[in-house]
Amino acid sequence: MHDRSKNRLTRPETLTALGIVVVAAGFLVPTADLRSISALLPAAMLIGLIVLALALLTMDQRKASKGEAPTQMTQSPKRVVGAFLLILGYALACDFIGFYVSTAVTIPLVAFAFGYRNPLGLLIATVIVVGTIWLIFDFGMSQDFPAGRIWEN
């Protein structure tokens, strides 16, 4: 009986869900120091991520209680690890070189890591995402995204 409860907590989907909750909650704490209009988007996204992770956790634990074997998280773990490293790099790059430059570089890199190889499609997706963010937040709401420590000095 003890082994079964241990196995339930070490299932890949359970560990992933718990990791997402912890990391998202950790990133949620600093949003309390931001102005409410600036904190709205990141807080909403992080809360949504926590809710989705809790749903994943609940579904996986239900499967575990029925005795279903855990499923492999991915067929290409190197791609997933690479994408997580790109996201970590993106967070650091936003701080140092700014939001727009970091986003324009990260979007095609993550898509490429997951197998999308069409250069024109990557360019169009990047322009649409970065352009839409700029139109909504910078132009429409007059909210400035981080310019980066390098450019601020």
C-alpha atoms as a PDB file:
ATOM      1  CA  MET A   1       0.000   0.000   0.000  1.00  0.00           C
ATOM      2  CA  HIS A   2       2.844   2.390   0.771  1.00  0.00           C
ATOM      3  CA  ASP A   3       4.416   1.830  -2.676  1.00  0.00           C
ATOM      4  CA  ARG A   4       1.139   2.646  -4.390  1.00  0.00           C
ATOM      5  CA  SER A   5       0.821   6.089  -2.761  1.00  0.00           C
ATOM      6  CA  LYS A   6       4.477   6.789  -3.542  1.00  0.00           C
ATOM      7  CA  ASN A   7       3.930   5.838  -7.181  1.00  0.00           C
ATOM      8  CA  ARG A   8       0.888   8.101  -7.356  1.00  0.00           C
ATOM      9  CA  LEU A   9       2.994  11.127  -6.459  1.00  0.00           C
ATOM     10  CA  THR A  10       5.827  10.308  -8.826  1.00  0.00           C
ATOM     11  CA  ARG A  11       3.700   9.953 -11.940  1.00  0.00           C
ATOM     12  CA  PRO A  12       5.034  12.217 -14.728  1.00  0.00           C
ATOM     13  CA  GLU A  13       1.817  14.211 -15.138  1.00  0.00           C
ATOM     14  CA  THR A  14       1.487  14.681 -11.378  1.00  0.00           C
ATOM     15  CA  LEU A  15       5.073  15.908 -11.056  1.00  0.00           C
ATOM     16  CA  THR A  16       4.601  18.232 -14.020  1.00  0.00           C
ATOM     17  CA  ALA A  17       1.391  19.678 -12.582  1.00  0.00           C
ATOM     18  CA  LEU A  18       2.959  20.201  -9.160  1.00  0.00           C
ATOM     19  CA  GLY A  19       6.014  21.828 -10.731  1.00  0.00           C
ATOM     20  CA  ILE A  20       3.834  24.199 -12.763  1.00  0.00           C
ATOM     21  CA  VAL A  21       1.840  25.194  -9.684  1.00  0.00           C
ATOM     22  CA  VAL A  22       4.984  25.917  -7.652  1.00  0.00           C
ATOM     23  CA  VAL A  23       6.734  27.894 -10.403  1.00  0.00           C
ATOM     24  CA  ALA A  24       3.609  29.856 -11.399  1.00  0.00           C
ATOM     25  CA  ALA A  25       2.875  30.678  -7.756  1.00  0.00           C
ATOM     26  CA  GLY A  26       6.469  31.822  -7.348  1.00  0.00           C
ATOM     27  CA  PHE A  27       6.107  34.155 -10.325  1.00  0.00           C
ATOM     28  CA  LEU A  28       2.712  35.327  -9.063  1.00  0.00           C
ATOM     29  CA  VAL A  29       4.148  36.742  -5.816  1.00  0.00           C
ATOM     30  CA  PRO A  30       6.064  39.629  -7.482  1.00  0.00           C
ATOM     31  CA  THR A  31       2.937  40.798  -9.324  1.00  0.00           C
ATOM     32  CA  ALA A  32       1.680  42.158  -5.982  1.00  0.00           C
ATOM     33  CA  ASP A  33       4.377  44.854  -6.223  1.00  0.00           C
ATOM     34  CA  LEU A  34       3.219  46.025  -9.666  1.00  0.00           C
ATOM     35  CA  ARG A  35       0.601  48.638 -10.429  1.00  0.00           C
ATOM     36  CA  SER A  36      -2.775  46.946 -10.773  1.00  0.00           C
ATOM     37  CA  ILE A  37      -3.081  47.667 -14.519  1.00  0.00           C
ATOM     38  CA  SER A  38       0.437  46.303 -15.091  1.00  0.00           C
ATOM     39  CA  ALA A  39      -0.173  43.232 -12.936  1.00  0.00           C
ATOM     40  CA  LEU A  40      -3.487  42.313 -14.548  1.00  0.00           C
ATOM     41  CA  LEU A  41      -2.183  40.347 -17.547  1.00  0.00           C
ATOM     42  CA  PRO A  42       0.652  38.428 -15.866  1.00  0.00           C
ATOM     43  CA  ALA A  43      -1.463  37.650 -12.808  1.00  0.00           C
ATOM     44  CA  ALA A  44      -4.387  36.449 -14.943  1.00  0.00           C
ATOM     45  CA  MET A  45      -2.100  34.264 -17.047  1.00  0.00           C
ATOM     46  CA  LEU A  46      -0.353  32.784 -14.011  1.00  0.00           C
ATOM     47  CA  ILE A  47      -3.638  32.090 -12.233  1.00  0.00           C
ATOM     48  CA  GLY A  48      -4.956  30.457 -15.404  1.00  0.00           C
ATOM     49  CA  LEU A  49      -1.814  28.338 -15.591  1.00  0.00           C
ATOM     50  CA  ILE A  50      -2.278  27.256 -11.973  1.00  0.00           C
ATOM     51  CA  VAL A  51      -5.923  26.318 -12.623  1.00  0.00           C
ATOM     52  CA  LEU A  52      -4.948  24.256 -15.691  1.00  0.00           C
ATOM     53  CA  ALA A  53      -2.153  22.549 -13.739  1.00  0.00           C
ATOM     54  CA  LEU A  54      -4.578  21.682 -10.937  1.00  0.00           C
ATOM     55  CA  ALA A  55      -6.958  20.220 -13.531  1.00  0.00           C
ATOM     56  CA  LEU A  56      -4.083  18.111 -14.906  1.00  0.00           C
ATOM     57  CA  LEU A  57      -3.208  17.009 -11.372  1.00  0.00           C
ATOM     58  CA  THR A  58      -6.810  16.037 -10.627  1.00  0.00           C
ATOM     59  CA  MET A  59      -7.215  14.077 -13.864  1.00  0.00           C
ATOM     60  CA  ASP A  60      -3.939  12.228 -13.358  1.00  0.00           C
ATOM     61  CA  GLN A  61      -4.755  11.335  -9.766  1.00  0.00           C
ATOM     62  CA  ARG A  62      -8.154  10.011 -10.842  1.00  0.00           C
ATOM     63  CA  LYS A  63      -6.395   7.801 -13.383  1.00  0.00           C
ATOM     64  CA  ALA A  64      -3.981   6.666 -10.670  1.00  0.00           C
ATOM     65  CA  SER A  65      -6.822   5.797  -8.303  1.00  0.00           C
ATOM     66  CA  LYS A  66      -8.325   3.586 -11.030  1.00  0.00           C
ATOM     67  CA  GLY A  67      -4.996   1.803 -11.324  1.00  0.00           C
ATOM     68  CA  GLU A  68      -4.162   3.084 -14.808  1.00  0.00           C
ATOM     69  CA  ALA A  69      -0.478   3.046 -15.657  1.00  0.00           C
ATOM     70  CA  PRO A  70       1.185   6.457 -16.019  1.00  0.00           C
ATOM     71  CA  THR A  71       1.674   7.634 -19.566  1.00  0.00           C
ATOM     72  CA  GLN A  72       4.917   8.980 -20.927  1.00  0.00           C
ATOM     73  CA  MET A  73       4.799  12.790 -20.956  1.00  0.00           C
ATOM     74  CA  THR A  74       6.311  13.221 -24.381  1.00  0.00           C
ATOM     75  CA  GLN A  75       7.770  11.307 -27.259  1.00  0.00           C
ATOM     76  CA  SER A  76      10.533  13.931 -27.564  1.00  0.00           C
ATOM     77  CA  PRO A  77      11.753  14.893 -24.090  1.00  0.00           C
ATOM     78  CA  LYS A  78      14.718  16.816 -25.524  1.00  0.00           C
ATOM     79  CA  ARG A  79      12.334  19.161 -27.324  1.00  0.00           C
ATOM     80  CA  VAL A  80      10.363  19.785 -24.152  1.00  0.00           C
ATOM     81  CA  VAL A  81      13.522  20.438 -22.119  1.00  0.00           C
ATOM     82  CA  GLY A  82      14.761  22.724 -24.884  1.00  0.00           C
ATOM     83  CA  ALA A  83      11.481  24.644 -24.875  1.00  0.00           C
ATOM     84  CA  PHE A  84      11.616  25.070 -21.092  1.00  0.00           C
ATOM     85  CA  LEU A  85      15.198  26.342 -21.373  1.00  0.00           C
ATOM     86  CA  LEU A  86      14.099  28.766 -24.097  1.00  0.00           C
ATOM     87  CA  ILE A  87      11.325  30.046 -21.835  1.00  0.00           C
ATOM     88  CA  LEU A  88      13.771  30.504 -18.967  1.00  0.00           C
ATOM     89  CA  GLY A  89      16.102  32.304 -21.346  1.00  0.00           C
ATOM     90  CA  TYR A  90      13.158  34.418 -22.506  1.00  0.00           C
ATOM     91  CA  ALA A  91      12.392  35.537 -18.961  1.00  0.00           C
ATOM     92  CA  LEU A  92      16.007  36.532 -18.418  1.00  0.00           C
ATOM     93  CA  ALA A  93      16.231  38.189 -21.836  1.00  0.00           C
ATOM     94  CA  CYS A  94      13.128  40.297 -21.105  1.00  0.00           C
ATOM     95  CA  ASP A  95      14.933  41.694 -18.106  1.00  0.00           C
ATOM     96  CA  PHE A  96      18.175  42.412 -19.951  1.00  0.00           C
ATOM     97  CA  ILE A  97      17.276  43.222 -23.570  1.00  0.00           C
ATOM     98  CA  GLY A  98      13.579  44.020 -23.299  1.00  0.00           C
ATOM     99  CA  PHE A  99      10.215  42.495 -23.997  1.00  0.00           C
ATOM    100  CA  TYR A 100       9.774  43.116 -27.712  1.00  0.00           C
ATOM    101  CA  VAL A 101      13.216  41.947 -28.823  1.00  0.00           C
ATOM    102  CA  SER A 102      13.021  38.879 -26.569  1.00  0.00           C
ATOM    103  CA  THR A 103       9.548  37.997 -27.807  1.00  0.00           C
ATOM    104  CA  ALA A 104      10.506  38.451 -31.460  1.00  0.00           C
ATOM    105  CA  VAL A 105      13.402  36.020 -31.002  1.00  0.00           C
ATOM    106  CA  THR A 106      11.696  33.480 -28.704  1.00  0.00           C
ATOM    107  CA  ILE A 107       8.485  32.868 -30.665  1.00  0.00           C
ATOM    108  CA  PRO A 108      10.204  31.382 -33.728  1.00  0.00           C
ATOM    109  CA  LEU A 109      12.745  29.500 -31.596  1.00  0.00           C
ATOM    110  CA  VAL A 110      10.048  27.727 -29.554  1.00  0.00           C
ATOM    111  CA  ALA A 111       8.006  26.955 -32.685  1.00  0.00           C
ATOM    112  CA  PHE A 112      11.161  25.610 -34.358  1.00  0.00           C
ATOM    113  CA  ALA A 113      11.940  23.477 -31.287  1.00  0.00           C
ATOM    114  CA  PHE A 114       8.515  21.863 -31.585  1.00  0.00           C
ATOM    115  CA  GLY A 115       9.014  21.066 -35.245  1.00  0.00           C
ATOM    116  CA  TYR A 116       7.536  23.989 -37.180  1.00  0.00           C
ATOM    117  CA  ARG A 117      10.099  24.740 -39.893  1.00  0.00           C
ATOM    118  CA  ASN A 118       8.388  27.065 -42.389  1.00  0.00           C
ATOM    119  CA  PRO A 119      10.388  30.351 -42.294  1.00  0.00           C
ATOM    120  CA  LEU A 120       7.575  32.417 -43.785  1.00  0.00           C
ATOM    121  CA  GLY A 121       5.083  30.988 -41.286  1.00  0.00           C
ATOM    122  CA  LEU A 122       7.467  31.692 -38.414  1.00  0.00           C
ATOM    123  CA  LEU A 123       7.930  35.264 -39.598  1.00  0.00           C
ATOM    124  CA  ILE A 124       4.185  35.843 -40.036  1.00  0.00           C
ATOM    125  CA  ALA A 125       3.370  34.372 -36.604  1.00  0.00           C
ATOM    126  CA  THR A 126       6.053  36.470 -34.941  1.00  0.00           C
ATOM    127  CA  VAL A 127       4.893  39.683 -36.612  1.00  0.00           C
ATOM    128  CA  ILE A 128       1.256  38.958 -35.750  1.00  0.00           C
ATOM    129  CA  VAL A 129       1.957  38.170 -32.077  1.00  0.00           C
ATOM    130  CA  VAL A 130       4.415  41.006 -31.432  1.00  0.00           C
ATOM    131  CA  GLY A 131       2.351  43.452 -33.491  1.00  0.00           C
ATOM    132  CA  THR A 132      -0.873  42.561 -31.706  1.00  0.00           C
ATOM    133  CA  ILE A 133       0.763  42.933 -28.300  1.00  0.00           C
ATOM    134  CA  TRP A 134       2.160  46.298 -29.334  1.00  0.00           C
ATOM    135  CA  LEU A 135      -1.196  47.493 -30.738  1.00  0.00           C
ATOM    136  CA  ILE A 136      -3.181  46.440 -27.668  1.00  0.00           C
ATOM    137  CA  PHE A 137      -0.844  47.369 -24.858  1.00  0.00           C
ATOM    138  CA  ASP A 138       1.536  50.046 -26.103  1.00  0.00           C
ATOM    139  CA  PHE A 139      -0.659  51.833 -28.618  1.00  0.00           C
ATOM    140  CA  GLY A 140      -4.139  51.090 -27.224  1.00  0.00           C
ATOM    141  CA  MET A 141      -3.535  51.111 -23.474  1.00  0.00           C
ATOM    142  CA  SER A 142      -0.370  53.251 -23.317  1.00  0.00           C
ATOM    143  CA  GLN A 143       1.413  50.579 -21.283  1.00  0.00           C
ATOM    144  CA  ASP A 144       5.151  50.252 -21.708  1.00  0.00           C
ATOM    145  CA  PHE A 145       6.782  46.853 -21.571  1.00  0.00           C
ATOM    146  CA  PRO A 146      10.266  46.480 -20.090  1.00  0.00           C
ATOM    147  CA  ALA A 147      12.923  47.962 -22.373  1.00  0.00           C
ATOM    148  CA  GLY A 148      15.663  45.945 -20.691  1.00  0.00           C
ATOM    149  CA  ARG A 149      18.500  46.879 -18.400  1.00  0.00           C
ATOM    150  CA  ILE A 150      20.946  47.168 -21.273  1.00  0.00           C
ATOM    151  CA  TRP A 151      18.932  49.840 -23.104  1.00  0.00           C
ATOM    152  CA  GLU A 152      17.832  51.731 -19.973  1.00  0.00           C
ATOM    153  CA  ASN A 153      21.380  52.623 -18.923  1.00  0.00           C
END
